[in-house]
């Protein structure tokens, strides 16, 4: 049987990572472009997360003189009789504030901030902040503070009481005297989470105590969907995984070429 002239100039088989339109391959060519795209996705990745704006997160507005305090502070609503902002001296904390110069203090009351972000279903929220216990006026060993996160209902009618049911809450124990400890909480909402569609409120409250809790450096982030973590290609584990993927791909291509 004579050879087909139209196919005489074509190679028997070929392998291409990213073939072009004029690449001289038979119809049986093994295209690795989809695998290359998958590899690129694995190496790059992305995190579907963003930060929610927290006003005056470190209580730096305004900055106070060392060792002084004021009742209240900007960006937050302070409740109760003894709460506000404070610039601790080294007698309170040898290392100073975790972020900036000021912190908030809660002795008999609380603080609240209503953000511009609405609480949504099927989202993962992460709230992080530092909690401190003064060295020069330490808290009792059994002192606790309550954190609540909920959808804030600004108004109500006579037949609709303003009742807040937290989407998340946690009880925080006092850290060691003279120290700050970061608190890191994550919770995920669903379609039954109370307060959906309402602005997210961050609330801290403490029972009366002869001393005070200090808090600083708030952040709130939201994430949703499948989270893909970037692969550090300069790390041995990542290189090993890349090598294994390429080996499997090459072996598959060679088997196809010989059949």
Protein backbone atom coordinates (compact mmCIF):
# COMPACT_ATOMS: atom_id res chain seq x y z
CA UNK A 1 0.00 0.00 0.00
CA UNK A 2 1.45 3.38 -1.00
CA UNK A 3 1.92 6.16 1.55
CA UNK A 4 -0.53 9.01 1.68
CA UNK A 5 1.29 12.02 0.12
CA UNK A 6 -0.66 14.42 2.29
CA UNK A 7 0.72 12.78 5.42
CA UNK A 8 4.27 12.12 4.22
CA UNK A 9 5.66 15.34 5.64
CA UNK A 10 4.00 14.95 9.03
CA UNK A 11 5.73 13.31 12.01
CA UNK A 12 4.13 10.08 13.24
CA UNK A 13 3.25 11.49 16.63
CA UNK A 14 4.20 14.59 18.58
CA UNK A 15 3.84 16.05 22.02
CA UNK A 16 3.22 19.74 22.68
CA UNK A 17 2.94 21.75 25.88
CA UNK A 18 1.24 24.74 24.26
CA UNK A 19 0.65 23.90 20.57
CA UNK A 20 0.10 26.61 17.99
CA UNK A 21 -2.26 26.47 15.05
CA UNK A 22 0.58 25.74 12.58
CA UNK A 23 2.22 23.04 14.72
CA UNK A 24 2.69 20.01 12.36
CA UNK A 25 1.03 17.22 14.35
CA UNK A 26 -1.27 14.35 13.45
CA UNK A 27 -4.76 14.17 14.79
CA UNK A 28 -3.44 11.81 17.48
CA UNK A 29 -1.26 14.50 19.05
CA UNK A 30 -1.15 14.49 22.85
CA UNK A 31 -1.86 18.00 24.01
CA UNK A 32 -0.44 18.87 27.41
CA UNK A 33 -1.75 22.42 27.48
CA UNK A 34 -4.62 21.56 29.87
CA UNK A 35 -2.11 19.97 32.23
CA UNK A 36 0.08 23.05 31.99
CA UNK A 37 -2.92 25.19 32.88
CA UNK A 38 -3.68 22.98 35.86
CA UNK A 39 -0.07 23.23 36.99
CA UNK A 40 -0.14 27.02 36.71
CA UNK A 41 -3.32 27.15 38.78
CA UNK A 42 -1.77 24.98 41.49
CA UNK A 43 1.36 27.13 41.62
CA UNK A 44 -0.34 30.49 41.65
CA UNK A 45 -3.56 29.95 43.60
CA UNK A 46 -5.58 32.67 45.25
CA UNK A 47 -7.23 33.34 48.58
CA UNK A 48 -10.82 34.56 48.32
CA UNK A 49 -10.57 36.79 51.38
CA UNK A 50 -10.75 40.49 52.12
CA UNK A 51 -10.47 42.79 55.11
CA UNK A 52 -13.45 44.59 56.59
CA UNK A 53 -12.75 48.19 57.57
CA UNK A 54 -12.54 48.63 61.33
CA UNK A 55 -12.48 52.31 62.28
CA UNK A 56 -9.68 53.35 64.64
CA UNK A 57 -8.65 49.69 65.15
CA UNK A 58 -5.75 50.53 67.47
CA UNK A 59 -7.37 53.49 69.27
CA UNK A 60 -4.73 55.94 68.02
CA UNK A 61 -7.19 58.77 67.36
CA UNK A 62 -6.25 60.84 69.24
CA UNK A 63 -2.83 59.79 70.53
CA UNK A 64 -2.57 60.50 74.26
CA UNK A 65 0.43 61.38 76.37
CA UNK A 66 2.17 58.49 78.11
CA UNK A 67 0.31 57.30 81.18
CA UNK A 68 -2.83 59.34 80.48
CA UNK A 69 -6.35 58.29 79.55
CA UNK A 70 -9.69 59.68 78.42
CA UNK A 71 -13.26 58.46 78.62
CA UNK A 72 -14.49 57.32 75.21
CA UNK A 73 -12.71 57.50 71.87
CA UNK A 74 -13.40 57.90 68.15
CA UNK A 75 -14.76 55.14 65.93
CA UNK A 76 -16.26 53.16 68.82
CA UNK A 77 -19.28 53.54 71.06
CA UNK A 78 -18.26 53.17 74.70
CA UNK A 79 -20.87 52.04 77.22
CA UNK A 80 -20.91 51.94 81.00
CA UNK A 81 -19.22 54.04 83.64
CA UNK A 82 -15.50 53.34 83.29
CA UNK A 83 -14.15 52.80 79.77
CA UNK A 84 -12.15 54.74 77.21
CA UNK A 85 -8.66 55.00 75.71
CA UNK A 86 -5.34 54.84 77.49
CA UNK A 87 -1.65 55.28 76.63
CA UNK A 88 0.04 52.80 78.98
CA UNK A 89 3.39 53.57 80.58
CA UNK A 90 6.11 50.96 81.07
CA UNK A 91 4.84 50.34 84.60
CA UNK A 92 1.66 48.91 83.03
CA UNK A 93 3.29 47.06 80.13
CA UNK A 94 7.04 46.83 79.75
CA UNK A 95 6.71 46.33 75.98
CA UNK A 96 4.05 49.02 75.53
CA UNK A 97 0.97 48.66 73.34
CA UNK A 98 0.87 45.85 70.76
CA UNK A 99 0.16 48.34 67.97
CA UNK A 100 0.82 52.08 68.07
CA UNK A 101 0.68 53.84 71.44
CA UNK A 102 -2.91 53.74 72.70
CA UNK A 103 -5.17 50.92 73.84
CA UNK A 104 -8.79 50.80 75.00
CA UNK A 105 -9.69 50.02 78.58
CA UNK A 106 -12.86 48.39 79.93
CA UNK A 107 -13.41 48.32 83.68
CA UNK A 108 -17.15 48.60 84.09
CA UNK A 109 -18.79 48.71 80.69
CA UNK A 110 -17.97 47.85 77.13
CA UNK A 111 -17.39 49.03 73.61
CA UNK A 112 -19.08 48.45 70.29
CA UNK A 113 -18.35 49.17 66.65
CA UNK A 114 -20.87 48.75 63.84
CA UNK A 115 -19.01 48.13 60.57
CA UNK A 116 -20.15 48.88 57.02
CA UNK A 117 -20.08 45.16 56.13
CA UNK A 118 -23.35 43.20 56.24
CA UNK A 119 -23.43 39.74 57.79
CA UNK A 120 -23.89 37.19 54.98
CA UNK A 121 -24.59 33.47 54.79
CA UNK A 122 -21.95 30.89 53.92
CA UNK A 123 -19.03 33.13 54.78
CA UNK A 124 -16.12 32.55 57.12
CA UNK A 125 -15.26 35.44 59.41
CA UNK A 126 -12.04 35.87 61.34
CA UNK A 127 -11.70 38.42 64.13
CA UNK A 128 -8.35 39.05 65.78
CA UNK A 129 -7.27 41.47 68.51
CA UNK A 130 -4.99 41.73 71.54
CA UNK A 131 -6.18 41.53 75.15
CA UNK A 132 -4.04 42.90 77.98
CA UNK A 133 -3.84 42.81 81.78
CA UNK A 134 -1.98 45.68 83.46
CA UNK A 135 1.04 44.86 85.59
CA UNK A 136 0.53 47.79 87.95
CA UNK A 137 -3.16 47.02 88.53
CA UNK A 138 -3.78 43.38 87.59
CA UNK A 139 -7.17 41.80 87.09
CA UNK A 140 -8.57 39.19 89.47
CA UNK A 141 -7.75 35.65 88.40
CA UNK A 142 -11.39 34.85 87.60
CA UNK A 143 -12.02 38.01 85.54
CA UNK A 144 -13.51 37.45 82.08
CA UNK A 145 -14.64 39.57 79.16
CA UNK A 146 -17.34 38.70 76.63
CA UNK A 147 -16.90 39.06 72.86
CA UNK A 148 -19.99 39.04 70.66
CA UNK A 149 -20.37 39.46 66.89
CA UNK A 150 -23.85 39.97 65.45
CA UNK A 151 -25.97 41.71 62.84
CA UNK A 152 -26.86 45.13 64.24
CA UNK A 153 -30.48 46.25 64.04
CA UNK A 154 -30.33 50.04 64.25
CA UNK A 155 -34.07 50.69 64.58
CA UNK A 156 -37.11 48.82 65.79
CA UNK A 157 -40.85 49.22 65.90
CA UNK A 158 -43.10 48.79 68.92
CA UNK A 159 -43.94 45.22 67.91
CA UNK A 160 -40.37 44.31 66.87
CA UNK A 161 -38.07 44.42 69.89
CA UNK A 162 -34.40 45.03 69.29
CA UNK A 163 -33.10 41.66 70.44
CA UNK A 164 -29.57 40.80 69.39
CA UNK A 165 -28.77 37.10 68.98
CA UNK A 166 -25.03 36.74 68.44
CA UNK A 167 -23.75 35.04 65.32
CA UNK A 168 -20.68 34.27 67.43
CA UNK A 169 -19.56 34.80 71.00
CA UNK A 170 -16.61 33.85 73.19
CA UNK A 171 -15.60 34.33 76.80
CA UNK A 172 -12.07 35.66 77.22
CA UNK A 173 -9.97 35.05 80.32
CA UNK A 174 -7.46 37.58 81.60
CA UNK A 175 -3.88 36.98 80.41
CA UNK A 176 -0.88 37.10 82.73
CA UNK A 177 -0.28 40.46 84.41
CA UNK A 178 1.84 42.83 82.34
CA UNK A 179 1.15 41.05 79.04
CA UNK A 180 -0.99 41.19 75.93
CA UNK A 181 -2.21 38.00 74.24
CA UNK A 182 -3.76 37.95 70.77
CA UNK A 183 -7.20 36.37 70.50
CA UNK A 184 -7.99 34.79 67.13
CA UNK A 185 -11.52 33.55 66.41
CA UNK A 186 -13.07 32.10 63.25
CA UNK A 187 -16.71 31.28 62.63
CA UNK A 188 -18.75 30.32 59.56
CA UNK A 189 -22.30 31.44 58.89
CA UNK A 190 -25.13 29.57 57.20
CA UNK A 191 -28.65 30.40 56.04
CA UNK A 192 -29.93 30.03 59.60
CA UNK A 193 -27.44 32.39 61.25
CA UNK A 194 -29.25 35.23 63.06
CA UNK A 195 -28.75 38.79 61.84
CA UNK A 196 -28.08 38.05 58.16
CA UNK A 197 -28.23 41.16 55.98
CA UNK A 198 -27.54 43.50 58.90
CA UNK A 199 -24.29 45.41 59.55
CA UNK A 200 -21.72 43.43 61.51
CA UNK A 201 -21.23 44.70 65.05
CA UNK A 202 -18.22 43.91 67.25
CA UNK A 203 -19.09 44.08 70.95
CA UNK A 204 -16.92 43.65 74.04
CA UNK A 205 -18.24 43.85 77.58
CA UNK A 206 -16.87 43.26 81.07
CA UNK A 207 -18.45 43.07 84.51
CA UNK A 208 -17.37 45.62 87.13
CA UNK A 209 -13.84 45.00 88.36
CA UNK A 210 -11.35 47.02 90.42
CA UNK A 211 -8.93 46.81 87.51
CA UNK A 212 -9.44 46.82 83.73
CA UNK A 213 -9.13 44.82 80.53
CA UNK A 214 -7.13 46.48 77.77
CA UNK A 215 -7.70 45.72 74.07
CA UNK A 216 -5.87 46.76 70.92
CA UNK A 217 -5.21 46.09 67.22
CA UNK A 218 -8.54 44.82 65.86
CA UNK A 219 -8.93 43.18 62.46
CA UNK A 220 -11.85 41.45 60.74
CA UNK A 221 -11.58 39.44 57.52
CA UNK A 222 -14.12 37.57 55.39
CA UNK A 223 -13.53 34.62 53.09
CA UNK A 224 -15.80 32.47 50.93
CA UNK A 225 -15.62 29.69 48.36
CA UNK A 226 -12.72 27.30 47.88
CA UNK A 227 -9.52 28.70 49.29
CA UNK A 228 -6.44 27.84 47.24
CA UNK A 229 -3.14 28.34 48.97
CA UNK A 230 -0.14 29.40 46.91
CA UNK A 231 2.57 26.78 46.51
CA UNK A 232 6.07 28.15 47.33
CA UNK A 233 8.01 26.88 44.31
CA UNK A 234 11.34 27.55 46.01
CA UNK A 235 10.57 25.00 48.72
CA UNK A 236 11.79 21.37 48.46
CA UNK A 237 8.31 19.92 49.00
CA UNK A 238 6.87 22.02 46.18
CA UNK A 239 9.72 21.05 43.86
CA UNK A 240 9.20 17.38 44.68
CA UNK A 241 5.50 17.68 43.87
CA UNK A 242 6.31 19.47 40.60
CA UNK A 243 8.78 16.73 39.67
CA UNK A 244 6.25 13.99 40.37
CA UNK A 245 3.62 15.74 38.26
CA UNK A 246 6.00 16.16 35.33
CA UNK A 247 7.17 12.52 35.62
CA UNK A 248 3.61 11.20 35.51
CA UNK A 249 2.80 13.48 32.58
CA UNK A 250 5.87 12.40 30.61
CA UNK A 251 5.21 8.71 31.27
CA UNK A 252 1.64 9.03 30.09
CA UNK A 253 2.76 10.82 26.93
CA UNK A 254 5.35 8.15 26.07
CA UNK A 255 2.85 5.34 26.52
CA UNK A 256 0.47 7.11 24.15
CA UNK A 257 3.24 7.61 21.60
CA UNK A 258 4.00 3.88 21.42
CA UNK A 259 0.42 2.73 20.93
